[in-house]
Amino acid sequence: MSAPDRTAATFRPVLQHIFPGRWNYASVVALYPSSHLVAHRDPSIQGTRYHLPLAINPGCWAFHHDTWQQLQEGRVYSMDPTLLHGAVNWGTSRRLHLVIDMET
């Protein structure tokens, strides 16, 4: 997980047109090959959480509120972190996501 302040400083200027407004949190999170993120619920946040896949492979799957899906690079996904979610990486390369919490 990258440092939130440095991550916001790096990505905000480039993504301001996609994510205008106040960023409360930003981090790049990695999921290494043959690993998983155990299904869990996060505390409630002020605003909306977004995932922007930066690097994925065909073995990456995300679970959110009863649905498994393969997220795609170049798309933005919003999620409610209080709902059950997790992920697996059965591929051979790292999965990287930019996670942004924004006030709405």
PDB file of N, CA and C in Angstrom:
ATOM      1  N   MET A   1       0.853  -1.161   0.000  1.00  0.00           N
ATOM      2  CA  MET A   1       0.000   0.000   0.000  1.00  0.00           C
ATOM      3  C   MET A   1       0.903   1.229   0.000  1.00  0.00           C
ATOM      4  N   SER A   2       0.617   2.151  -0.894  1.00  0.00           N
ATOM      5  CA  SER A   2       1.445   3.346  -0.993  1.00  0.00           C
ATOM      6  C   SER A   2       1.025   4.393   0.036  1.00  0.00           C
ATOM      7  N   ALA A   3       1.903   5.350   0.283  1.00  0.00           N
ATOM      8  CA  ALA A   3       1.636   6.431   1.235  1.00  0.00           C
ATOM      9  C   ALA A   3       0.519   7.326   0.688  1.00  0.00           C
ATOM     10  N   PRO A   4      -0.567   7.500   1.435  1.00  0.00           N
ATOM     11  CA  PRO A   4      -1.716   8.262   0.927  1.00  0.00           C
ATOM     12  C   PRO A   4      -1.392   9.687   0.486  1.00  0.00           C
ATOM     13  N   ASP A   5      -0.604  10.436   1.240  1.00  0.00           N
ATOM     14  CA  ASP A   5      -0.312  11.824   0.857  1.00  0.00           C
ATOM     15  C   ASP A   5       0.480  11.886  -0.445  1.00  0.00           C
ATOM     16  N   ARG A   6       1.494  11.043  -0.568  1.00  0.00           N
ATOM     17  CA  ARG A   6       2.308  11.027  -1.788  1.00  0.00           C
ATOM     18  C   ARG A   6       1.501  10.530  -2.981  1.00  0.00           C
ATOM     19  N   THR A   7       0.626   9.563  -2.741  1.00  0.00           N
ATOM     20  CA  THR A   7      -0.200   9.027  -3.825  1.00  0.00           C
ATOM     21  C   THR A   7      -1.141  10.105  -4.349  1.00  0.00           C
ATOM     22  N   ALA A   8      -1.810  10.812  -3.446  1.00  0.00           N
ATOM     23  CA  ALA A   8      -2.717  11.885  -3.866  1.00  0.00           C
ATOM     24  C   ALA A   8      -1.954  12.963  -4.625  1.00  0.00           C
ATOM     25  N   ALA A   9      -0.779  13.334  -4.146  1.00  0.00           N
ATOM     26  CA  ALA A   9       0.017  14.377  -4.811  1.00  0.00           C
ATOM     27  C   ALA A   9       0.441  13.944  -6.212  1.00  0.00           C
ATOM     28  N   THR A  10       0.672  12.666  -6.401  1.00  0.00           N
ATOM     29  CA  THR A  10       1.087  12.154  -7.712  1.00  0.00           C
ATOM     30  C   THR A  10      -0.085  12.046  -8.673  1.00  0.00           C
ATOM     31  N   PHE A  11      -1.196  11.480  -8.222  1.00  0.00           N
ATOM     32  CA  PHE A  11      -2.307  11.168  -9.124  1.00  0.00           C
ATOM     33  C   PHE A  11      -3.339  12.285  -9.279  1.00  0.00           C
ATOM     34  N   ARG A  12      -3.544  13.105  -8.273  1.00  0.00           N
ATOM     35  CA  ARG A  12      -4.587  14.136  -8.355  1.00  0.00           C
ATOM     36  C   ARG A  12      -4.411  15.060  -9.562  1.00  0.00           C
ATOM     37  N   PRO A  13      -3.204  15.590  -9.837  1.00  0.00           N
ATOM     38  CA  PRO A  13      -3.069  16.478 -10.996  1.00  0.00           C
ATOM     39  C   PRO A  13      -3.435  15.798 -12.327  1.00  0.00           C
ATOM     40  N   VAL A  14      -3.170  14.509 -12.432  1.00  0.00           N
ATOM     41  CA  VAL A  14      -3.434  13.776 -13.666  1.00  0.00           C
ATOM     42  C   VAL A  14      -4.903  13.379 -13.789  1.00  0.00           C
ATOM     43  N   LEU A  15      -5.558  13.122 -12.661  1.00  0.00           N
ATOM     44  CA  LEU A  15      -6.925  12.585 -12.676  1.00  0.00           C
ATOM     45  C   LEU A  15      -7.993  13.571 -12.203  1.00  0.00           C
ATOM     46  N   GLN A  16      -7.629  14.819 -12.019  1.00  0.00           N
ATOM     47  CA  GLN A  16      -8.566  15.823 -11.515  1.00  0.00           C
ATOM     48  C   GLN A  16      -9.818  15.922 -12.386  1.00  0.00           C
ATOM     49  N   HIS A  17      -9.676  15.735 -13.702  1.00  0.00           N
ATOM     50  CA  HIS A  17     -10.833  15.832 -14.599  1.00  0.00           C
ATOM     51  C   HIS A  17     -11.793  14.646 -14.437  1.00  0.00           C
ATOM     52  N   ILE A  18     -11.295  13.517 -13.965  1.00  0.00           N
ATOM     53  CA  ILE A  18     -12.138  12.340 -13.742  1.00  0.00           C
ATOM     54  C   ILE A  18     -12.687  12.345 -12.317  1.00  0.00           C
ATOM     55  N   PHE A  19     -11.865  12.754 -11.368  1.00  0.00           N
ATOM     56  CA  PHE A  19     -12.226  12.781  -9.949  1.00  0.00           C
ATOM     57  C   PHE A  19     -12.112  14.209  -9.415  1.00  0.00           C
ATOM     58  N   PRO A  20     -13.016  15.113  -9.831  1.00  0.00           N
ATOM     59  CA  PRO A  20     -12.937  16.478  -9.300  1.00  0.00           C
ATOM     60  C   PRO A  20     -13.430  16.510  -7.859  1.00  0.00           C
ATOM     61  N   GLY A  21     -12.993  17.458  -7.108  1.00  0.00           N
ATOM     62  CA  GLY A  21     -13.443  17.586  -5.723  1.00  0.00           C
ATOM     63  C   GLY A  21     -12.389  17.147  -4.735  1.00  0.00           C
ATOM     64  N   ARG A  22     -12.833  16.978  -3.511  1.00  0.00           N
ATOM     65  CA  ARG A  22     -11.923  16.690  -2.395  1.00  0.00           C
ATOM     66  C   ARG A  22     -11.619  15.205  -2.283  1.00  0.00           C
ATOM     67  N   TRP A  23     -10.321  14.898  -2.296  1.00  0.00           N
ATOM     68  CA  TRP A  23      -9.858  13.533  -2.076  1.00  0.00           C
ATOM     69  C   TRP A  23      -9.565  13.371  -0.586  1.00  0.00           C
ATOM     70  N   ASN A  24     -10.255  12.469   0.073  1.00  0.00           N
ATOM     71  CA  ASN A  24      -9.995  12.202   1.489  1.00  0.00           C
ATOM     72  C   ASN A  24      -8.883  11.174   1.680  1.00  0.00           C
ATOM     73  N   TYR A  25      -8.670  10.327   0.667  1.00  0.00           N
ATOM     74  CA  TYR A  25      -7.694   9.239   0.791  1.00  0.00           C
ATOM     75  C   TYR A  25      -7.348   8.762  -0.608  1.00  0.00           C
ATOM     76  N   ALA A  26      -6.103   8.398  -0.836  1.00  0.00           N
ATOM     77  CA  ALA A  26      -5.689   7.775  -2.096  1.00  0.00           C
ATOM     78  C   ALA A  26      -4.491   6.874  -1.816  1.00  0.00           C
ATOM     79  N   SER A  27      -4.525   5.673  -2.377  1.00  0.00           N
ATOM     80  CA  SER A  27      -3.419   4.744  -2.199  1.00  0.00           C
ATOM     81  C   SER A  27      -3.409   3.748  -3.350  1.00  0.00           C
ATOM     82  N   VAL A  28      -2.224   3.320  -3.737  1.00  0.00           N
ATOM     83  CA  VAL A  28      -2.099   2.225  -4.685  1.00  0.00           C
ATOM     84  C   VAL A  28      -1.939   0.959  -3.861  1.00  0.00           C
ATOM     85  N   VAL A  29      -2.821  -0.003  -4.113  1.00  0.00           N
ATOM     86  CA  VAL A  29      -2.782  -1.259  -3.368  1.00  0.00           C
ATOM     87  C   VAL A  29      -2.395  -2.387  -4.321  1.00  0.00           C
ATOM     88  N   ALA A  30      -1.567  -3.291  -3.828  1.00  0.00           N
ATOM     89  CA  ALA A  30      -1.069  -4.408  -4.631  1.00  0.00           C
ATOM     90  C   ALA A  30      -1.618  -5.724  -4.091  1.00  0.00           C
ATOM     91  N   LEU A  31      -1.902  -6.620  -5.007  1.00  0.00           N
ATOM     92  CA  LEU A  31      -2.243  -7.994  -4.650  1.00  0.00           C
ATOM     93  C   LEU A  31      -1.310  -8.879  -5.477  1.00  0.00           C
ATOM     94  N   TYR A  32      -0.429  -9.576  -4.796  1.00  0.00           N
ATOM     95  CA  TYR A  32       0.616 -10.344  -5.468  1.00  0.00           C
ATOM     96  C   TYR A  32       0.085 -11.680  -5.987  1.00  0.00           C
ATOM     97  N   PRO A  33       0.783 -12.274  -6.961  1.00  0.00           N
ATOM     98  CA  PRO A  33       0.341 -13.568  -7.490  1.00  0.00           C
ATOM     99  C   PRO A  33       0.163 -14.603  -6.381  1.00  0.00           C
ATOM    100  N   SER A  34      -0.834 -15.447  -6.565  1.00  0.00           N
ATOM    101  CA  SER A  34      -1.168 -16.524  -5.621  1.00  0.00           C
ATOM    102  C   SER A  34      -1.563 -15.992  -4.255  1.00  0.00           C
ATOM    103  N   SER A  35      -2.120 -14.777  -4.195  1.00  0.00           N
ATOM    104  CA  SER A  35      -2.594 -14.260  -2.911  1.00  0.00           C
ATOM    105  C   SER A  35      -4.040 -13.834  -3.008  1.00  0.00           C
ATOM    106  N   HIS A  36      -4.583 -13.563  -1.842  1.00  0.00           N
ATOM    107  CA  HIS A  36      -5.983 -13.165  -1.784  1.00  0.00           C
ATOM    108  C   HIS A  36      -6.197 -12.150  -0.673  1.00  0.00           C
ATOM    109  N   LEU A  37      -7.249 -11.421  -0.804  1.00  0.00           N
ATOM    110  CA  LEU A  37      -7.699 -10.486   0.219  1.00  0.00           C
ATOM    111  C   LEU A  37      -8.963 -11.101   0.798  1.00  0.00           C
ATOM    112  N   VAL A  38      -8.886 -11.553   2.033  1.00  0.00           N
ATOM    113  CA  VAL A  38      -9.988 -12.257   2.672  1.00  0.00           C
ATOM    114  C   VAL A  38     -11.233 -11.366   2.698  1.00  0.00           C
ATOM    115  N   ALA A  39     -12.385 -11.954   2.450  1.00  0.00           N
ATOM    116  CA  ALA A  39     -13.645 -11.205   2.465  1.00  0.00           C
ATOM    117  C   ALA A  39     -13.798 -10.492   3.810  1.00  0.00           C
ATOM    118  N   HIS A  40     -14.144  -9.212   3.736  1.00  0.00           N
ATOM    119  CA  HIS A  40     -14.243  -8.391   4.943  1.00  0.00           C
ATOM    120  C   HIS A  40     -15.138  -7.176   4.675  1.00  0.00           C
ATOM    121  N   ARG A  41     -15.419  -6.440   5.721  1.00  0.00           N
ATOM    122  CA  ARG A  41     -16.140  -5.167   5.627  1.00  0.00           C
ATOM    123  C   ARG A  41     -15.260  -4.091   6.249  1.00  0.00           C
ATOM    124  N   ASP A  42     -15.189  -2.933   5.600  1.00  0.00           N
ATOM    125  CA  ASP A  42     -14.437  -1.797   6.132  1.00  0.00           C
ATOM    126  C   ASP A  42     -15.398  -0.845   6.841  1.00  0.00           C
ATOM    127  N   PRO A  43     -14.858   0.024   7.703  1.00  0.00           N
ATOM    128  CA  PRO A  43     -15.705   1.030   8.346  1.00  0.00           C
ATOM    129  C   PRO A  43     -16.308   1.977   7.300  1.00  0.00           C
ATOM    130  N   SER A  44     -17.390   2.582   7.650  1.00  0.00           N
ATOM    131  CA  SER A  44     -18.048   3.552   6.790  1.00  0.00           C
ATOM    132  C   SER A  44     -17.122   4.736   6.524  1.00  0.00           C
ATOM    133  N   ILE A  45     -17.227   5.321   5.342  1.00  0.00           N
ATOM    134  CA  ILE A  45     -16.426   6.492   4.986  1.00  0.00           C
ATOM    135  C   ILE A  45     -17.355   7.660   4.676  1.00  0.00           C
ATOM    136  N   GLN A  46     -16.809   8.852   4.693  1.00  0.00           N
ATOM    137  CA  GLN A  46     -17.535  10.044   4.269  1.00  0.00           C
ATOM    138  C   GLN A  46     -17.347  10.172   2.764  1.00  0.00           C
ATOM    139  N   GLY A  47     -18.343   9.833   1.977  1.00  0.00           N
ATOM    140  CA  GLY A  47     -18.239   9.964   0.534  1.00  0.00           C
ATOM    141  C   GLY A  47     -18.327   8.633  -0.184  1.00  0.00           C
ATOM    142  N   THR A  48     -17.540   8.512  -1.259  1.00  0.00           N
ATOM    143  CA  THR A  48     -17.584   7.339  -2.130  1.00  0.00           C
ATOM    144  C   THR A  48     -16.176   6.801  -2.329  1.00  0.00           C
ATOM    145  N   ARG A  49     -16.042   5.485  -2.349  1.00  0.00           N
ATOM    146  CA  ARG A  49     -14.761   4.836  -2.636  1.00  0.00           C
ATOM    147  C   ARG A  49     -14.749   4.398  -4.096  1.00  0.00           C
ATOM    148  N   TYR A  50     -13.645   4.714  -4.771  1.00  0.00           N
ATOM    149  CA  TYR A  50     -13.461   4.332  -6.169  1.00  0.00           C
ATOM    150  C   TYR A  50     -12.222   3.452  -6.308  1.00  0.00           C
ATOM    151  N   HIS A  51     -12.311   2.494  -7.229  1.00  0.00           N
ATOM    152  CA  HIS A  51     -11.174   1.651  -7.608  1.00  0.00           C
ATOM    153  C   HIS A  51     -10.892   1.898  -9.076  1.00  0.00           C
ATOM    154  N   LEU A  52      -9.633   2.159  -9.379  1.00  0.00           N
ATOM    155  CA  LEU A  52      -9.172   2.319 -10.753  1.00  0.00           C
ATOM    156  C   LEU A  52      -8.066   1.290 -10.973  1.00  0.00           C
ATOM    157  N   PRO A  53      -8.366   0.160 -11.654  1.00  0.00           N
ATOM    158  CA  PRO A  53      -7.335  -0.844 -11.898  1.00  0.00           C
ATOM    159  C   PRO A  53      -6.209  -0.280 -12.766  1.00  0.00           C
ATOM    160  N   LEU A  54      -4.975  -0.417 -12.286  1.00  0.00           N
ATOM    161  CA  LEU A  54      -3.799   0.059 -13.009  1.00  0.00           C
ATOM    162  C   LEU A  54      -3.072  -1.071 -13.718  1.00  0.00           C
ATOM    163  N   ALA A  55      -3.046  -2.242 -13.109  1.00  0.00           N
ATOM    164  CA  ALA A  55      -2.400  -3.424 -13.694  1.00  0.00           C
ATOM    165  C   ALA A  55      -3.148  -4.652 -13.205  1.00  0.00           C
ATOM    166  N   ILE A  56      -3.624  -5.440 -14.138  1.00  0.00           N
ATOM    167  CA  ILE A  56      -4.374  -6.652 -13.792  1.00  0.00           C
ATOM    168  C   ILE A  56      -3.894  -7.785 -14.687  1.00  0.00           C
ATOM    169  N   ASN A  57      -4.408  -8.970 -14.445  1.00  0.00           N
ATOM    170  CA  ASN A  57      -4.150 -10.119 -15.305  1.00  0.00           C
ATOM    171  C   ASN A  57      -5.415 -10.967 -15.321  1.00  0.00           C
ATOM    172  N   PRO A  58      -5.520 -11.930 -16.221  1.00  0.00           N
ATOM    173  CA  PRO A  58      -6.752 -12.722 -16.327  1.00  0.00           C
ATOM    174  C   PRO A  58      -7.093 -13.536 -15.077  1.00  0.00           C
ATOM    175  N   GLY A  59      -6.140 -13.692 -14.155  1.00  0.00           N
ATOM    176  CA  GLY A  59      -6.404 -14.447 -12.936  1.00  0.00           C
ATOM    177  C   GLY A  59      -6.894 -13.599 -11.779  1.00  0.00           C
ATOM    178  N   CYS A  60      -7.136 -12.319 -12.011  1.00  0.00           N
ATOM    179  CA  CYS A  60      -7.599 -11.417 -10.947  1.00  0.00           C
ATOM    180  C   CYS A  60      -9.119 -11.363 -10.917  1.00  0.00           C
ATOM    181  N   TRP A  61      -9.663 -11.572  -9.727  1.00  0.00           N
ATOM    182  CA  TRP A  61     -11.102 -11.506  -9.522  1.00  0.00           C
ATOM    183  C   TRP A  61     -11.381 -10.685  -8.270  1.00  0.00           C
ATOM    184  N   ALA A  62     -12.446  -9.919  -8.319  1.00  0.00           N
ATOM    185  CA  ALA A  62     -12.884  -9.136  -7.160  1.00  0.00           C
ATOM    186  C   ALA A  62     -14.289  -9.591  -6.771  1.00  0.00           C
ATOM    187  N   PHE A  63     -14.539  -9.601  -5.481  1.00  0.00           N
ATOM    188  CA  PHE A  63     -15.844  -9.966  -4.935  1.00  0.00           C
ATOM    189  C   PHE A  63     -16.387  -8.749  -4.208  1.00  0.00           C
ATOM    190  N   HIS A  64     -17.623  -8.370  -4.533  1.00  0.00           N
ATOM    191  CA  HIS A  64     -18.251  -7.251  -3.831  1.00  0.00           C
ATOM    192  C   HIS A  64     -19.745  -7.509  -3.752  1.00  0.00           C
ATOM    193  N   HIS A  65     -20.229  -7.630  -2.517  1.00  0.00           N
ATOM    194  CA  HIS A  65     -21.671  -7.779  -2.260  1.00  0.00           C
ATOM    195  C   HIS A  65     -22.314  -8.837  -3.155  1.00  0.00           C
ATOM    196  N   ASP A  66     -21.897 -10.080  -2.977  1.00  0.00           N
ATOM    197  CA  ASP A  66     -22.473 -11.240  -3.657  1.00  0.00           C
ATOM    198  C   ASP A  66     -22.126 -11.363  -5.141  1.00  0.00           C
ATOM    199  N   THR A  67     -21.195 -10.559  -5.652  1.00  0.00           N
ATOM    200  CA  THR A  67     -20.872 -10.607  -7.077  1.00  0.00           C
ATOM    201  C   THR A  67     -19.364 -10.731  -7.279  1.00  0.00           C
ATOM    202  N   TRP A  68     -18.966 -11.744  -8.062  1.00  0.00           N
ATOM    203  CA  TRP A  68     -17.588 -11.889  -8.497  1.00  0.00           C
ATOM    204  C   TRP A  68     -17.454 -11.251  -9.869  1.00  0.00           C
ATOM    205  N   GLN A  69     -16.382 -10.508 -10.094  1.00  0.00           N
ATOM    206  CA  GLN A  69     -16.158  -9.924 -11.410  1.00  0.00           C
ATOM    207  C   GLN A  69     -14.668  -9.710 -11.659  1.00  0.00           C
ATOM    208  N   GLN A  70     -14.328  -9.615 -12.931  1.00  0.00           N
ATOM    209  CA  GLN A  70     -12.975  -9.265 -13.330  1.00  0.00           C
ATOM    210  C   GLN A  70     -12.998  -7.787 -13.714  1.00  0.00           C
ATOM    211  N   LEU A  71     -12.357  -6.961 -12.889  1.00  0.00           N
ATOM    212  CA  LEU A  71     -12.306  -5.534 -13.164  1.00  0.00           C
ATOM    213  C   LEU A  71     -11.348  -5.296 -14.325  1.00  0.00           C
ATOM    214  N   GLN A  72     -11.584  -4.229 -15.080  1.00  0.00           N
ATOM    215  CA  GLN A  72     -10.804  -3.974 -16.280  1.00  0.00           C
ATOM    216  C   GLN A  72     -10.030  -2.668 -16.157  1.00  0.00           C
ATOM    217  N   GLU A  73      -8.812  -2.673 -16.713  1.00  0.00           N
ATOM    218  CA  GLU A  73      -8.026  -1.443 -16.770  1.00  0.00           C
ATOM    219  C   GLU A  73      -8.776  -0.413 -17.609  1.00  0.00           C
ATOM    220  N   GLY A  74      -8.640   0.848 -17.236  1.00  0.00           N
ATOM    221  CA  GLY A  74      -9.293   1.914 -17.975  1.00  0.00           C
ATOM    222  C   GLY A  74     -10.717   2.199 -17.547  1.00  0.00           C
ATOM    223  N   ARG A  75     -11.238   1.442 -16.608  1.00  0.00           N
ATOM    224  CA  ARG A  75     -12.586   1.675 -16.086  1.00  0.00           C
ATOM    225  C   ARG A  75     -12.486   2.078 -14.627  1.00  0.00           C
ATOM    226  N   VAL A  76     -13.511   2.742 -14.141  1.00  0.00           N
ATOM    227  CA  VAL A  76     -13.580   3.189 -12.752  1.00  0.00           C
ATOM    228  C   VAL A  76     -14.753   2.475 -12.097  1.00  0.00           C
ATOM    229  N   TYR A  77     -14.540   1.974 -10.891  1.00  0.00           N
ATOM    230  CA  TYR A  77     -15.571   1.249 -10.163  1.00  0.00           C
ATOM    231  C   TYR A  77     -15.806   1.919  -8.822  1.00  0.00           C
ATOM    232  N   SER A  78     -17.063   2.147  -8.473  1.00  0.00           N
ATOM    233  CA  SER A  78     -17.373   2.653  -7.136  1.00  0.00           C
ATOM    234  C   SER A  78     -17.819   1.473  -6.295  1.00  0.00           C
ATOM    235  N   MET A  79     -17.571   1.560  -4.998  1.00  0.00           N
ATOM    236  CA  MET A  79     -17.957   0.464  -4.116  1.00  0.00           C
ATOM    237  C   MET A  79     -18.314   1.012  -2.748  1.00  0.00           C
ATOM    238  N   ASP A  80     -19.159   0.280  -2.080  1.00  0.00           N
ATOM    239  CA  ASP A  80     -19.502   0.580  -0.695  1.00  0.00           C
ATOM    240  C   ASP A  80     -18.607  -0.294   0.177  1.00  0.00           C
ATOM    241  N   PRO A  81     -17.634   0.304   0.873  1.00  0.00           N
ATOM    242  CA  PRO A  81     -16.685  -0.508   1.640  1.00  0.00           C
ATOM    243  C   PRO A  81     -17.305  -1.214   2.840  1.00  0.00           C
ATOM    244  N   THR A  82     -18.530  -0.859   3.218  1.00  0.00           N
ATOM    245  CA  THR A  82     -19.169  -1.516   4.354  1.00  0.00           C
ATOM    246  C   THR A  82     -19.811  -2.844   3.962  1.00  0.00           C
ATOM    247  N   LEU A  83     -19.902  -3.113   2.645  1.00  0.00           N
ATOM    248  CA  LEU A  83     -20.438  -4.389   2.181  1.00  0.00           C
ATOM    249  C   LEU A  83     -19.297  -5.401   2.075  1.00  0.00           C
ATOM    250  N   LEU A  84     -19.622  -6.668   2.201  1.00  0.00           N
ATOM    251  CA  LEU A  84     -18.618  -7.728   2.141  1.00  0.00           C
ATOM    252  C   LEU A  84     -17.888  -7.680   0.793  1.00  0.00           C
ATOM    253  N   HIS A  85     -16.542  -7.672   0.845  1.00  0.00           N
ATOM    254  CA  HIS A  85     -15.742  -7.637  -0.376  1.00  0.00           C
ATOM    255  C   HIS A  85     -14.386  -8.292  -0.145  1.00  0.00           C
ATOM    256  N   GLY A  86     -13.747  -8.690  -1.231  1.00  0.00           N
ATOM    257  CA  GLY A  86     -12.431  -9.314  -1.187  1.00  0.00           C
ATOM    258  C   GLY A  86     -11.913  -9.480  -2.602  1.00  0.00           C
ATOM    259  N   ALA A  87     -10.776 -10.136  -2.765  1.00  0.00           N
ATOM    260  CA  ALA A  87     -10.189 -10.314  -4.093  1.00  0.00           C
ATOM    261  C   ALA A  87      -9.212 -11.483  -4.079  1.00  0.00           C
ATOM    262  N   VAL A  88      -8.962 -12.033  -5.272  1.00  0.00           N
ATOM    263  CA  VAL A  88      -7.948 -13.077  -5.451  1.00  0.00           C
ATOM    264  C   VAL A  88      -7.099 -12.725  -6.662  1.00  0.00           C
ATOM    265  N   ASN A  89      -5.852 -13.179  -6.635  1.00  0.00           N
ATOM    266  CA  ASN A  89      -4.973 -13.047  -7.790  1.00  0.00           C
ATOM    267  C   ASN A  89      -4.371 -14.418  -8.050  1.00  0.00           C
ATOM    268  N   TRP A  90      -4.967 -15.132  -8.976  1.00  0.00           N
ATOM    269  CA  TRP A  90      -4.470 -16.448  -9.364  1.00  0.00           C
ATOM    270  C   TRP A  90      -3.528 -16.354 -10.561  1.00  0.00           C
ATOM    271  N   GLY A  91      -3.178 -15.126 -10.948  1.00  0.00           N
ATOM    272  CA  GLY A  91      -2.301 -14.904 -12.103  1.00  0.00           C
ATOM    273  C   GLY A  91      -0.831 -14.940 -11.733  1.00  0.00           C
ATOM    274  N   THR A  92      -0.002 -14.485 -12.669  1.00  0.00           N
ATOM    275  CA  THR A  92       1.446 -14.532 -12.478  1.00  0.00           C
ATOM    276  C   THR A  92       2.069 -13.145 -12.323  1.00  0.00           C
ATOM    277  N   SER A  93       1.261 -12.108 -12.325  1.00  0.00           N
ATOM    278  CA  SER A  93       1.771 -10.748 -12.148  1.00  0.00           C
ATOM    279  C   SER A  93       0.958 -10.026 -11.073  1.00  0.00           C
ATOM    280  N   ARG A  94       1.531  -8.936 -10.553  1.00  0.00           N
ATOM    281  CA  ARG A  94       0.852  -8.153  -9.517  1.00  0.00           C
ATOM    282  C   ARG A  94      -0.410  -7.502 -10.051  1.00  0.00           C
ATOM    283  N   ARG A  95      -1.414  -7.422  -9.198  1.00  0.00           N
ATOM    284  CA  ARG A  95      -2.591  -6.602  -9.465  1.00  0.00           C
ATOM    285  C   ARG A  95      -2.386  -5.291  -8.720  1.00  0.00           C
ATOM    286  N   LEU A  96      -2.534  -4.158  -9.408  1.00  0.00           N
ATOM    287  CA  LEU A  96      -2.405  -2.842  -8.786  1.00  0.00           C
ATOM    288  C   LEU A  96      -3.684  -2.052  -9.016  1.00  0.00           C
ATOM    289  N   HIS A  97      -4.224  -1.485  -7.940  1.00  0.00           N
ATOM    290  CA  HIS A  97      -5.405  -0.625  -8.020  1.00  0.00           C
ATOM    291  C   HIS A  97      -5.101   0.693  -7.335  1.00  0.00           C
ATOM    292  N   LEU A  98      -5.584   1.779  -7.922  1.00  0.00           N
ATOM    293  CA  LEU A  98      -5.607   3.052  -7.241  1.00  0.00           C
ATOM    294  C   LEU A  98      -6.942   3.137  -6.537  1.00  0.00           C
ATOM    295  N   VAL A  99      -6.909   3.333  -5.229  1.00  0.00           N
ATOM    296  CA  VAL A  99      -8.131   3.457  -4.425  1.00  0.00           C
ATOM    297  C   VAL A  99      -8.241   4.913  -3.977  1.00  0.00           C
ATOM    298  N   ILE A 100      -9.403   5.514  -4.257  1.00  0.00           N
ATOM    299  CA  ILE A 100      -9.630   6.925  -3.893  1.00  0.00           C
ATOM    300  C   ILE A 100     -10.936   7.024  -3.126  1.00  0.00           C
ATOM    301  N   ASP A 101     -10.879   7.650  -1.964  1.00  0.00           N
ATOM    302  CA  ASP A 101     -12.089   8.003  -1.213  1.00  0.00           C
ATOM    303  C   ASP A 101     -12.330   9.484  -1.432  1.00  0.00           C
ATOM    304  N   MET A 102     -13.515   9.817  -1.950  1.00  0.00           N
ATOM    305  CA  MET A 102     -13.850  11.213  -2.251  1.00  0.00           C
ATOM    306  C   MET A 102     -15.094  11.641  -1.515  1.00  0.00           C
ATOM    307  N   GLU A 103     -15.111  12.897  -1.103  1.00  0.00           N
ATOM    308  CA  GLU A 103     -16.334  13.472  -0.571  1.00  0.00           C
ATOM    309  C   GLU A 103     -17.334  13.587  -1.702  1.00  0.00           C
ATOM    310  N   THR A 104     -18.594  13.309  -1.385  1.00  0.00           N
ATOM    311  CA  THR A 104     -19.649  13.469  -2.412  1.00  0.00           C
ATOM    312  C   THR A 104     -20.770  14.323  -1.867  1.00  0.00           C
TER     313      THR A 104
END
